[in-house]
N, C-alpha and C. Protein backbone atom coordinates (compact mmCIF):
# COMPACT_ATOMS: atom_id res chain seq x y z
N UNK A 1 131.45 22.11 167.48
CA UNK A 1 131.14 21.91 168.85
C UNK A 1 131.63 22.34 169.70
N UNK A 2 133.64 22.22 169.66
CA UNK A 2 134.07 22.03 171.41
C UNK A 2 134.25 23.78 171.16
N UNK A 3 134.10 24.45 170.27
CA UNK A 3 134.17 25.99 169.98
C UNK A 3 133.43 26.81 171.19
N UNK A 4 131.90 26.34 171.44
CA UNK A 4 131.04 26.85 172.07
C UNK A 4 129.66 26.56 171.05
N UNK A 5 128.69 27.42 171.74
CA UNK A 5 127.11 27.19 171.53
C UNK A 5 126.70 28.85 170.97
N UNK A 6 127.88 29.45 171.51
CA UNK A 6 127.71 31.02 171.26
C UNK A 6 128.43 31.53 169.96
N UNK A 7 128.90 30.04 169.06
CA UNK A 7 129.63 31.10 167.75
C UNK A 7 128.66 31.71 167.19
N UNK A 8 127.34 31.24 166.37
CA UNK A 8 126.39 32.34 165.16
C UNK A 8 126.12 33.98 166.64
N UNK A 9 126.04 33.88 168.15
CA UNK A 9 125.89 35.19 167.79
C UNK A 9 127.47 36.45 168.49
N UNK A 10 128.45 35.45 167.90
CA UNK A 10 129.43 36.09 168.27
C UNK A 10 130.07 36.87 166.22
N UNK A 11 129.41 35.58 165.53
CA UNK A 11 129.37 36.38 163.90
C UNK A 11 128.20 35.94 163.96
N UNK A 12 127.48 36.73 163.19
CA UNK A 12 125.81 36.30 163.04
C UNK A 12 126.21 37.09 161.60
N UNK A 13 127.08 37.93 160.61
CA UNK A 13 126.61 38.03 159.87
C UNK A 13 127.58 36.49 158.61
N UNK A 14 127.80 36.06 159.17
CA UNK A 14 128.44 34.71 158.99
C UNK A 14 127.23 33.67 158.64
N UNK A 15 126.31 33.77 159.54
CA UNK A 15 125.45 32.89 160.27
C UNK A 15 124.36 33.22 159.04
N UNK A 16 124.29 34.42 159.11
CA UNK A 16 123.07 35.05 158.67
C UNK A 16 122.90 34.51 157.16
N UNK A 17 124.06 34.14 156.47
CA UNK A 17 124.46 33.99 155.12
C UNK A 17 124.97 32.94 154.90
N UNK A 18 125.14 32.14 155.51
CA UNK A 18 125.14 30.15 155.43
C UNK A 18 123.54 29.27 155.39
N UNK A 19 123.48 28.43 154.67
CA UNK A 19 122.83 27.90 154.40
C UNK A 19 122.25 27.16 155.63
N UNK A 20 123.89 26.49 156.03
CA UNK A 20 123.39 25.20 157.12
C UNK A 20 125.06 25.08 157.91
N UNK A 21 124.74 24.39 159.16
CA UNK A 21 125.80 25.10 159.72
C UNK A 21 125.58 23.64 160.17
N UNK A 22 127.38 23.02 160.36
CA UNK A 22 127.41 21.30 160.77
C UNK A 22 128.12 21.48 161.89
N UNK A 23 127.55 20.78 162.74
CA UNK A 23 127.93 20.87 164.51
C UNK A 23 128.50 19.21 163.95
N UNK A 24 130.10 19.93 164.41
CA UNK A 24 131.20 18.43 164.19
C UNK A 24 131.28 18.47 165.38
N UNK A 25 131.55 16.97 165.86
CA UNK A 25 132.43 16.26 167.17
C UNK A 25 131.31 15.87 168.00
N UNK A 26 129.95 15.22 167.29
CA UNK A 26 129.31 15.56 168.31
C UNK A 26 129.25 14.42 168.90
N UNK A 27 130.33 13.19 168.65
CA UNK A 27 130.98 11.72 169.59
C UNK A 27 131.13 12.47 171.09
N UNK A 28 131.79 13.87 171.20
CA UNK A 28 131.99 13.95 172.09
C UNK A 28 131.41 15.44 172.67
N UNK A 29 129.93 15.15 172.84
CA UNK A 29 129.56 15.54 173.90
C UNK A 29 128.87 14.74 175.32
N UNK A 30 129.34 14.03 175.67
CA UNK A 30 129.39 13.90 176.88
C UNK A 30 130.65 13.93 177.24
N UNK A 31 131.54 14.45 176.66
CA UNK A 31 133.32 15.17 177.62
C UNK A 31 133.19 16.18 177.43
N UNK A 32 132.08 17.42 176.85
CA UNK A 32 132.31 18.45 176.77
C UNK A 32 131.42 19.48 176.76
N UNK A 33 131.67 20.91 177.62
CA UNK A 33 130.58 21.40 177.97
C UNK A 33 129.55 21.68 176.71
N UNK A 34 128.67 21.14 176.50
CA UNK A 34 128.17 22.01 175.26
C UNK A 34 126.45 21.64 175.33
N UNK A 35 125.96 22.91 175.20
CA UNK A 35 124.49 22.70 175.33
C UNK A 35 123.91 22.50 174.01
N UNK A 36 123.62 21.60 172.81
CA UNK A 36 123.49 21.30 171.25
C UNK A 36 122.00 22.39 171.14
N UNK A 37 120.79 22.23 172.35
CA UNK A 37 119.65 23.02 172.22
C UNK A 37 119.48 24.09 171.82
N UNK A 38 120.67 24.67 173.10
CA UNK A 38 121.88 25.93 172.82
C UNK A 38 122.19 27.06 171.05
N UNK A 39 122.86 25.96 171.26
CA UNK A 39 123.37 25.81 169.94
C UNK A 39 122.73 26.20 169.08
N UNK A 40 122.02 25.62 168.44
CA UNK A 40 120.68 25.69 167.49
C UNK A 40 120.05 26.80 167.41
N UNK A 41 119.35 26.93 168.34
CA UNK A 41 119.10 28.26 168.74
C UNK A 41 119.57 29.57 168.99
N UNK A 42 120.84 29.94 169.23
CA UNK A 42 121.63 30.61 168.38
C UNK A 42 121.27 30.86 167.09
N UNK A 43 121.67 30.06 166.07
CA UNK A 43 122.05 29.47 165.02
C UNK A 43 120.39 30.37 164.23
N UNK A 44 119.68 29.45 164.42
CA UNK A 44 118.53 30.53 164.14
C UNK A 44 117.94 31.65 164.11
N UNK A 45 118.74 31.86 165.72
CA UNK A 45 117.30 33.38 165.49
C UNK A 45 118.13 34.35 164.91
N UNK A 46 119.53 33.90 164.25
CA UNK A 46 120.47 34.49 163.65
C UNK A 46 120.10 34.96 162.16
N UNK A 47 119.67 32.75 161.69
CA UNK A 47 119.03 33.18 160.19
C UNK A 47 118.25 31.73 160.78
N UNK A 48 116.79 31.90 160.67
CA UNK A 48 115.90 31.42 161.12
C UNK A 48 115.85 29.68 160.41
N UNK A 49 115.39 29.99 159.25
CA UNK A 49 116.30 28.99 157.80
C UNK A 49 116.88 28.77 158.08
N UNK A 50 117.83 28.49 158.50
CA UNK A 50 119.39 27.52 158.12
C UNK A 50 119.05 25.92 158.95
N UNK A 51 119.52 25.11 157.99
CA UNK A 51 119.92 23.90 158.48
C UNK A 51 120.66 23.17 158.98
N UNK A 52 119.97 22.40 160.08
CA UNK A 52 121.89 22.50 160.98
C UNK A 52 121.56 20.28 161.01
N UNK A 53 123.36 20.31 161.17
CA UNK A 53 123.27 18.89 161.32
C UNK A 53 124.45 18.48 162.23
N UNK A 54 124.04 17.76 162.44
CA UNK A 54 125.47 17.43 163.89
C UNK A 54 126.16 15.54 163.32
N UNK A 55 127.44 15.77 162.69
CA UNK A 55 128.69 15.06 162.08
C UNK A 55 129.04 14.75 163.30
N UNK A 56 129.32 13.24 163.14
CA UNK A 56 130.91 12.96 163.83
C UNK A 56 131.54 12.19 162.46
N UNK A 57 132.85 12.38 162.71
CA UNK A 57 133.60 11.58 161.88
C UNK A 57 133.97 10.69 162.26
N UNK A 58 134.08 10.43 163.88
CA UNK A 58 133.99 8.63 164.56
C UNK A 58 133.81 8.04 164.61
N UNK A 59 132.08 8.32 164.48
CA UNK A 59 131.58 7.34 164.89
C UNK A 59 130.52 6.32 163.29
N UNK A 60 130.86 8.04 162.26
CA UNK A 60 130.29 8.41 161.11
C UNK A 60 128.47 8.63 160.90
N UNK A 61 128.63 8.98 162.35
CA UNK A 61 126.28 9.75 162.40
C UNK A 61 126.72 11.52 161.93
N UNK A 62 125.29 11.34 160.30
CA UNK A 62 125.36 12.75 159.76
C UNK A 62 126.01 12.41 159.08
N UNK A 63 126.78 11.42 158.69
CA UNK A 63 127.68 12.09 157.32
C UNK A 63 126.97 11.90 156.02
N UNK A 64 126.35 10.84 156.31
CA UNK A 64 125.59 9.91 154.68
C UNK A 64 124.35 11.45 154.46
N UNK A 65 123.86 12.48 155.09
CA UNK A 65 122.74 13.93 155.19
C UNK A 65 123.57 14.89 155.02
N UNK A 66 125.24 14.80 155.49
CA UNK A 66 126.46 16.02 155.76
C UNK A 66 126.00 15.25 153.53
N UNK A 67 126.75 14.59 153.13
CA UNK A 67 126.93 14.39 152.12
C UNK A 67 125.81 13.92 150.97
N UNK A 68 124.59 13.43 150.73
CA UNK A 68 123.55 13.97 150.53
C UNK A 68 122.94 15.24 150.54
N UNK A 69 123.37 16.57 151.47
CA UNK A 69 122.66 18.41 151.66
C UNK A 69 123.94 18.81 149.94
N UNK A 70 125.19 17.89 150.31
CA UNK A 70 126.00 18.86 149.12
C UNK A 70 125.73 18.21 148.45
N UNK A 71 125.62 16.76 147.61
CA UNK A 71 125.21 15.86 146.74
C UNK A 71 123.80 17.65 146.03
N UNK A 72 122.82 17.83 146.39
CA UNK A 72 121.95 18.85 146.50
C UNK A 72 122.53 19.44 145.70
N UNK A 73 122.92 20.53 146.04
CA UNK A 73 123.39 21.59 146.10
C UNK A 73 124.17 21.68 145.15
N UNK A 74 125.19 20.57 144.68
CA UNK A 74 126.07 20.77 144.20
C UNK A 74 124.99 20.71 142.65
N UNK A 75 123.28 19.72 142.32
CA UNK A 75 123.01 19.56 141.38
C UNK A 75 122.24 20.93 140.75
N UNK A 76 121.47 21.10 142.03
CA UNK A 76 120.83 22.51 142.12
C UNK A 76 122.36 23.91 140.83
N UNK A 77 123.34 23.55 141.78
CA UNK A 77 124.27 24.66 141.24
C UNK A 77 124.51 24.62 138.97
N UNK A 78 124.82 23.15 139.40
CA UNK A 78 124.99 22.87 137.72
C UNK A 78 123.36 23.12 137.37
N UNK A 79 122.35 23.36 137.57
CA UNK A 79 121.44 23.04 136.79
C UNK A 79 121.39 24.49 136.42
N UNK A 80 121.27 25.53 137.34
CA UNK A 80 121.46 26.83 136.86
C UNK A 80 122.34 27.42 136.30
N UNK A 81 123.39 26.71 136.40
CA UNK A 81 124.36 27.23 135.16
C UNK A 81 124.25 26.32 134.20
N UNK A 82 123.85 25.28 134.08
CA UNK A 82 123.36 24.85 132.69
C UNK A 82 121.93 25.78 131.86
N UNK A 83 121.28 26.40 132.81
CA UNK A 83 120.48 27.21 132.16
C UNK A 83 120.82 28.22 131.86
N UNK A 84 121.65 28.80 132.94
CA UNK A 84 121.93 29.76 132.18
C UNK A 84 122.82 29.73 130.13
N UNK A 85 123.83 29.37 130.53
CA UNK A 85 124.20 28.41 129.19
C UNK A 85 123.25 28.76 128.07
N UNK A 86 122.07 27.84 128.26
CA UNK A 86 121.63 28.21 127.02
C UNK A 86 120.98 28.92 125.97
């Protein structure tokens, strides 16, 4: 978040390949010039299906969702690996 909402447009190849964008430090929103809607629109312009999570380590906001996302991806990866080995 503190890097600016234009990052998906500056680095489109990175965002086009990403499944998830984690917007960190959202607890700082009242104190920094950042347009959350514009950031999300820019990310989805590059990758329409991208998931977006808003996270703050200070408040804990979004941490459970991020951990759940990671656990789901790990389980899916292990399932593919086990299926390939069978």
